[in-house]
Amino acid sequence: MGKLKSIGTLLLDYYSNFDNAAYKGKLRFIGSSVPEYYSAVDDEAYRGKLKTIGNNPITWYSTFDDKLLKGKLKRIGSVPFEWYSSFDKTELRGALKSGLYRQTIGGITHILR
């Protein structure tokens, strides 16, 4: 309830309450694309986050990286994202260093928040 069912002719389907609890409410299908998510047994920094969308793998900073980077986006396909770490100026820490907040990769527009 309260979720998009379609965008134009593109149908969206979601995991229900009866599916795996870790995926509850997440997108199951985007048209013919099937997004994959990291499972509950993966690193806690990216557990439940997107693993792939279309043909683009998505990687995240792990718990072994800088504490400000933990769980932040590292790469979508071949596009890297760099963030200011705890070693940078105080006012810049955690902000995006290189890459764009809105990027179209493989025909999909990704918006970071």
N, C-alpha and C. Protein backbone atom coordinates (compact mmCIF):
# COMPACT_ATOMS: atom_id res chain seq x y z
N MET A 1 0.83 -1.17 0.00
CA MET A 1 0.00 0.00 0.00
C MET A 1 0.88 1.25 0.00
N GLY A 2 0.54 2.21 -0.84
CA GLY A 2 1.28 3.45 -0.89
C GLY A 2 2.53 3.40 -1.75
N LYS A 3 2.67 2.38 -2.58
CA LYS A 3 3.85 2.25 -3.45
C LYS A 3 3.42 2.33 -4.91
N LEU A 4 4.34 2.77 -5.75
CA LEU A 4 4.07 2.84 -7.18
C LEU A 4 3.85 1.45 -7.75
N LYS A 5 2.87 1.31 -8.63
CA LYS A 5 2.63 0.04 -9.31
C LYS A 5 3.22 0.05 -10.70
N SER A 6 3.30 1.24 -11.31
CA SER A 6 3.86 1.33 -12.65
C SER A 6 4.37 2.74 -12.89
N ILE A 7 5.31 2.83 -13.83
CA ILE A 7 5.80 4.10 -14.34
C ILE A 7 5.67 4.00 -15.85
N GLY A 8 4.65 4.65 -16.40
CA GLY A 8 4.36 4.47 -17.81
C GLY A 8 3.96 3.03 -18.05
N THR A 9 4.67 2.36 -18.94
CA THR A 9 4.37 0.95 -19.22
C THR A 9 5.25 0.00 -18.40
N LEU A 10 6.12 0.56 -17.57
CA LEU A 10 7.03 -0.23 -16.74
C LEU A 10 6.32 -0.64 -15.46
N LEU A 11 6.11 -1.95 -15.26
CA LEU A 11 5.44 -2.45 -14.06
C LEU A 11 6.43 -2.68 -12.94
N LEU A 12 6.02 -2.36 -11.72
CA LEU A 12 6.85 -2.55 -10.54
C LEU A 12 6.18 -3.58 -9.63
N ASP A 13 6.97 -4.48 -9.06
CA ASP A 13 6.46 -5.49 -8.14
C ASP A 13 7.35 -5.48 -6.91
N TYR A 14 6.76 -5.68 -5.74
CA TYR A 14 7.48 -5.60 -4.46
C TYR A 14 7.41 -6.92 -3.71
N TYR A 15 8.38 -7.16 -2.85
CA TYR A 15 8.32 -8.30 -1.95
C TYR A 15 7.21 -8.05 -0.94
N SER A 16 6.48 -9.08 -0.57
CA SER A 16 5.36 -8.93 0.36
C SER A 16 5.78 -9.29 1.78
N ASN A 17 4.84 -9.19 2.69
CA ASN A 17 5.08 -9.54 4.09
C ASN A 17 5.37 -11.03 4.27
N PHE A 18 4.97 -11.83 3.29
CA PHE A 18 5.14 -13.28 3.40
C PHE A 18 6.46 -13.77 2.81
N ASP A 19 7.21 -12.88 2.17
CA ASP A 19 8.52 -13.22 1.62
C ASP A 19 9.57 -13.05 2.71
N ASN A 20 10.83 -13.23 2.34
CA ASN A 20 11.95 -13.05 3.26
C ASN A 20 11.83 -11.69 3.96
N ALA A 21 11.91 -11.68 5.28
CA ALA A 21 11.73 -10.45 6.06
C ALA A 21 12.77 -9.38 5.71
N ALA A 22 13.96 -9.80 5.29
CA ALA A 22 15.01 -8.84 4.95
C ALA A 22 14.67 -8.05 3.68
N TYR A 23 13.82 -8.62 2.82
CA TYR A 23 13.49 -7.98 1.56
C TYR A 23 12.10 -7.34 1.57
N LYS A 24 11.39 -7.43 2.66
CA LYS A 24 10.02 -6.94 2.78
C LYS A 24 9.91 -5.47 2.33
N GLY A 25 9.03 -5.22 1.35
CA GLY A 25 8.78 -3.87 0.85
C GLY A 25 9.74 -3.40 -0.22
N LYS A 26 10.79 -4.16 -0.51
CA LYS A 26 11.76 -3.77 -1.54
C LYS A 26 11.26 -4.22 -2.91
N LEU A 27 11.79 -3.61 -3.95
CA LEU A 27 11.39 -3.96 -5.32
C LEU A 27 11.83 -5.37 -5.68
N ARG A 28 10.91 -6.14 -6.23
CA ARG A 28 11.20 -7.49 -6.69
C ARG A 28 11.50 -7.47 -8.19
N PHE A 29 10.70 -6.73 -8.95
CA PHE A 29 10.87 -6.59 -10.39
C PHE A 29 10.69 -5.13 -10.77
N ILE A 30 11.49 -4.67 -11.72
CA ILE A 30 11.31 -3.37 -12.34
C ILE A 30 11.18 -3.67 -13.82
N GLY A 31 9.96 -3.84 -14.29
CA GLY A 31 9.75 -4.30 -15.65
C GLY A 31 10.31 -5.71 -15.77
N SER A 32 11.27 -5.89 -16.67
CA SER A 32 11.89 -7.21 -16.82
C SER A 32 13.20 -7.31 -16.03
N SER A 33 13.63 -6.23 -15.40
CA SER A 33 14.87 -6.25 -14.60
C SER A 33 14.57 -6.78 -13.20
N VAL A 34 15.52 -7.55 -12.68
CA VAL A 34 15.38 -8.10 -11.34
C VAL A 34 16.52 -7.56 -10.48
N PRO A 35 16.22 -6.64 -9.55
CA PRO A 35 17.28 -6.15 -8.67
C PRO A 35 17.66 -7.22 -7.65
N GLU A 36 18.95 -7.30 -7.33
CA GLU A 36 19.42 -8.24 -6.31
C GLU A 36 19.87 -7.44 -5.10
N TYR A 37 19.69 -8.02 -3.92
CA TYR A 37 20.05 -7.35 -2.67
C TYR A 37 21.06 -8.21 -1.90
N TYR A 38 21.87 -7.55 -1.08
CA TYR A 38 22.75 -8.29 -0.18
C TYR A 38 21.89 -8.96 0.88
N SER A 39 22.25 -10.16 1.27
CA SER A 39 21.43 -10.93 2.20
C SER A 39 21.73 -10.57 3.66
N ALA A 40 20.99 -11.19 4.54
CA ALA A 40 21.13 -10.93 5.98
C ALA A 40 22.44 -11.47 6.54
N VAL A 41 23.14 -12.33 5.80
CA VAL A 41 24.41 -12.88 6.29
C VAL A 41 25.62 -12.11 5.77
N ASP A 42 25.40 -11.10 4.93
CA ASP A 42 26.50 -10.29 4.42
C ASP A 42 26.92 -9.25 5.45
N ASP A 43 28.00 -8.54 5.16
CA ASP A 43 28.53 -7.48 6.03
C ASP A 43 27.41 -6.53 6.45
N GLU A 44 27.38 -6.16 7.72
CA GLU A 44 26.29 -5.31 8.23
C GLU A 44 26.23 -3.94 7.56
N ALA A 45 27.33 -3.46 6.98
CA ALA A 45 27.35 -2.14 6.35
C ALA A 45 26.52 -2.11 5.07
N TYR A 46 26.39 -3.25 4.39
CA TYR A 46 25.60 -3.26 3.16
C TYR A 46 24.52 -4.32 3.15
N ARG A 47 24.22 -4.88 4.28
CA ARG A 47 23.15 -5.86 4.41
C ARG A 47 21.81 -5.25 4.01
N GLY A 48 21.09 -5.90 3.10
CA GLY A 48 19.79 -5.44 2.64
C GLY A 48 19.84 -4.37 1.57
N LYS A 49 21.04 -3.89 1.20
CA LYS A 49 21.17 -2.88 0.16
C LYS A 49 21.27 -3.54 -1.21
N LEU A 50 21.10 -2.73 -2.26
CA LEU A 50 21.16 -3.25 -3.63
C LEU A 50 22.53 -3.85 -3.93
N LYS A 51 22.52 -4.99 -4.59
CA LYS A 51 23.74 -5.66 -5.03
C LYS A 51 23.94 -5.46 -6.53
N THR A 52 22.88 -5.61 -7.30
CA THR A 52 22.91 -5.35 -8.73
C THR A 52 21.57 -4.78 -9.16
N ILE A 53 21.62 -3.98 -10.21
CA ILE A 53 20.41 -3.49 -10.86
C ILE A 53 20.71 -3.53 -12.35
N GLY A 54 19.92 -4.30 -13.07
CA GLY A 54 20.22 -4.52 -14.48
C GLY A 54 21.54 -5.28 -14.59
N ASN A 55 22.47 -4.78 -15.40
CA ASN A 55 23.79 -5.41 -15.54
C ASN A 55 24.85 -4.70 -14.72
N ASN A 56 24.45 -3.81 -13.83
CA ASN A 56 25.40 -3.01 -13.07
C ASN A 56 25.55 -3.51 -11.64
N PRO A 57 26.74 -4.02 -11.28
CA PRO A 57 26.97 -4.38 -9.89
C PRO A 57 27.13 -3.12 -9.05
N ILE A 58 26.68 -3.18 -7.82
CA ILE A 58 26.78 -2.04 -6.91
C ILE A 58 27.59 -2.47 -5.70
N THR A 59 28.65 -1.71 -5.39
CA THR A 59 29.48 -2.04 -4.23
C THR A 59 29.41 -0.91 -3.20
N TRP A 60 29.59 -1.28 -1.96
CA TRP A 60 29.48 -0.37 -0.83
C TRP A 60 30.75 -0.46 0.03
N TYR A 61 31.03 0.59 0.79
CA TYR A 61 32.13 0.53 1.75
C TYR A 61 31.71 -0.37 2.90
N SER A 62 32.64 -1.19 3.37
CA SER A 62 32.32 -2.17 4.41
C SER A 62 32.64 -1.64 5.81
N THR A 63 32.42 -2.47 6.80
CA THR A 63 32.70 -2.09 8.18
C THR A 63 34.20 -1.96 8.44
N PHE A 64 35.02 -2.49 7.54
CA PHE A 64 36.48 -2.41 7.70
C PHE A 64 37.06 -1.12 7.15
N ASP A 65 36.26 -0.34 6.43
CA ASP A 65 36.70 0.94 5.89
C ASP A 65 36.53 2.02 6.97
N ASP A 66 36.93 3.23 6.65
CA ASP A 66 36.80 4.38 7.55
C ASP A 66 35.37 4.44 8.10
N LYS A 67 35.22 4.80 9.39
CA LYS A 67 33.89 4.78 10.02
C LYS A 67 32.90 5.74 9.34
N LEU A 68 33.38 6.82 8.74
CA LEU A 68 32.48 7.73 8.03
C LEU A 68 32.06 7.19 6.67
N LEU A 69 32.83 6.26 6.12
CA LEU A 69 32.53 5.70 4.82
C LEU A 69 31.67 4.43 4.90
N LYS A 70 31.63 3.82 6.07
CA LYS A 70 30.92 2.56 6.26
C LYS A 70 29.48 2.67 5.77
N GLY A 71 29.11 1.80 4.82
CA GLY A 71 27.75 1.76 4.30
C GLY A 71 27.48 2.74 3.17
N LYS A 72 28.47 3.55 2.80
CA LYS A 72 28.28 4.49 1.69
C LYS A 72 28.57 3.80 0.36
N LEU A 73 28.03 4.36 -0.68
CA LEU A 73 28.19 3.82 -2.02
C LEU A 73 29.63 3.96 -2.49
N LYS A 74 30.18 2.87 -3.01
CA LYS A 74 31.55 2.87 -3.50
C LYS A 74 31.60 2.94 -5.03
N ARG A 75 30.73 2.15 -5.69
CA ARG A 75 30.79 2.05 -7.15
C ARG A 75 29.47 1.50 -7.68
N ILE A 76 29.02 2.06 -8.80
CA ILE A 76 27.90 1.50 -9.56
C ILE A 76 28.46 1.18 -10.93
N GLY A 77 28.49 -0.10 -11.28
CA GLY A 77 29.10 -0.51 -12.54
C GLY A 77 30.55 -0.08 -12.57
N SER A 78 30.92 0.74 -13.53
CA SER A 78 32.31 1.20 -13.64
C SER A 78 32.48 2.63 -13.11
N VAL A 79 31.43 3.20 -12.51
CA VAL A 79 31.49 4.59 -12.02
C VAL A 79 31.80 4.60 -10.53
N PRO A 80 32.98 5.14 -10.15
CA PRO A 80 33.34 5.19 -8.73
C PRO A 80 32.79 6.44 -8.04
N PHE A 81 32.56 6.34 -6.74
CA PHE A 81 32.17 7.47 -5.92
C PHE A 81 33.17 7.57 -4.78
N GLU A 82 33.73 8.77 -4.59
CA GLU A 82 34.69 9.00 -3.52
C GLU A 82 34.08 9.96 -2.51
N TRP A 83 34.33 9.71 -1.25
CA TRP A 83 33.78 10.50 -0.16
C TRP A 83 34.92 11.04 0.70
N TYR A 84 34.70 12.18 1.32
CA TYR A 84 35.69 12.70 2.27
C TYR A 84 35.65 11.83 3.51
N SER A 85 36.83 11.49 4.02
CA SER A 85 36.93 10.58 5.17
C SER A 85 37.17 11.36 6.45
N SER A 86 37.39 10.64 7.53
CA SER A 86 37.63 11.27 8.83
C SER A 86 39.00 11.94 8.89
N PHE A 87 39.82 11.76 7.85
CA PHE A 87 41.15 12.39 7.81
C PHE A 87 41.11 13.75 7.10
N ASP A 88 39.96 14.12 6.54
CA ASP A 88 39.81 15.39 5.83
C ASP A 88 39.31 16.48 6.77
N LYS A 89 39.17 17.70 6.23
CA LYS A 89 38.66 18.82 7.02
C LYS A 89 37.33 18.47 7.66
N THR A 90 37.10 18.96 8.85
CA THR A 90 35.90 18.65 9.62
C THR A 90 34.62 18.95 8.84
N GLU A 91 34.55 20.11 8.18
CA GLU A 91 33.32 20.49 7.49
C GLU A 91 33.06 19.66 6.23
N LEU A 92 34.07 18.96 5.73
CA LEU A 92 33.91 18.15 4.51
C LEU A 92 33.65 16.68 4.80
N ARG A 93 33.91 16.22 6.00
CA ARG A 93 33.81 14.80 6.33
C ARG A 93 32.44 14.21 5.99
N GLY A 94 32.47 13.10 5.26
CA GLY A 94 31.25 12.41 4.87
C GLY A 94 30.59 12.92 3.61
N ALA A 95 31.07 14.03 3.06
CA ALA A 95 30.48 14.59 1.84
C ALA A 95 31.08 13.92 0.60
N LEU A 96 30.38 14.01 -0.50
CA LEU A 96 30.83 13.42 -1.76
C LEU A 96 32.01 14.21 -2.32
N LYS A 97 33.11 13.51 -2.59
CA LYS A 97 34.32 14.13 -3.10
C LYS A 97 34.34 14.12 -4.63
N SER A 98 34.07 12.99 -5.23
CA SER A 98 34.02 12.90 -6.69
C SER A 98 32.87 11.98 -7.10
N GLY A 99 32.28 12.30 -8.23
CA GLY A 99 31.08 11.61 -8.68
C GLY A 99 29.92 12.58 -8.56
N LEU A 100 28.79 12.23 -9.10
CA LEU A 100 27.63 13.10 -9.09
C LEU A 100 26.52 12.49 -8.24
N TYR A 101 25.72 13.32 -7.59
CA TYR A 101 24.59 12.83 -6.80
C TYR A 101 23.49 12.26 -7.69
N ARG A 102 23.45 12.70 -8.94
CA ARG A 102 22.46 12.19 -9.90
C ARG A 102 23.23 11.73 -11.12
N GLN A 103 23.21 10.43 -11.38
CA GLN A 103 24.04 9.85 -12.44
C GLN A 103 23.23 8.81 -13.21
N THR A 104 23.32 8.85 -14.55
CA THR A 104 22.67 7.83 -15.37
C THR A 104 23.73 6.81 -15.77
N ILE A 105 23.50 5.57 -15.33
CA ILE A 105 24.46 4.48 -15.58
C ILE A 105 23.67 3.31 -16.15
N GLY A 106 24.04 2.89 -17.35
CA GLY A 106 23.36 1.75 -17.99
C GLY A 106 21.88 2.00 -18.22
N GLY A 107 21.52 3.24 -18.54
CA GLY A 107 20.12 3.56 -18.83
C GLY A 107 19.26 3.76 -17.59
N ILE A 108 19.84 3.68 -16.40
CA ILE A 108 19.11 3.87 -15.15
C ILE A 108 19.66 5.10 -14.44
N THR A 109 18.79 6.01 -14.05
CA THR A 109 19.24 7.21 -13.33
C THR A 109 19.26 6.89 -11.85
N HIS A 110 20.43 7.01 -11.26
CA HIS A 110 20.63 6.77 -9.83
C HIS A 110 20.73 8.12 -9.12
N ILE A 111 19.97 8.31 -8.06
CA ILE A 111 20.02 9.55 -7.29
C ILE A 111 20.47 9.20 -5.87
N LEU A 112 21.59 9.75 -5.46
CA LEU A 112 22.11 9.50 -4.11
C LEU A 112 21.44 10.44 -3.13
N ARG A 113 21.18 9.94 -1.95
CA ARG A 113 20.66 10.81 -0.90
C ARG A 113 21.40 10.56 0.38
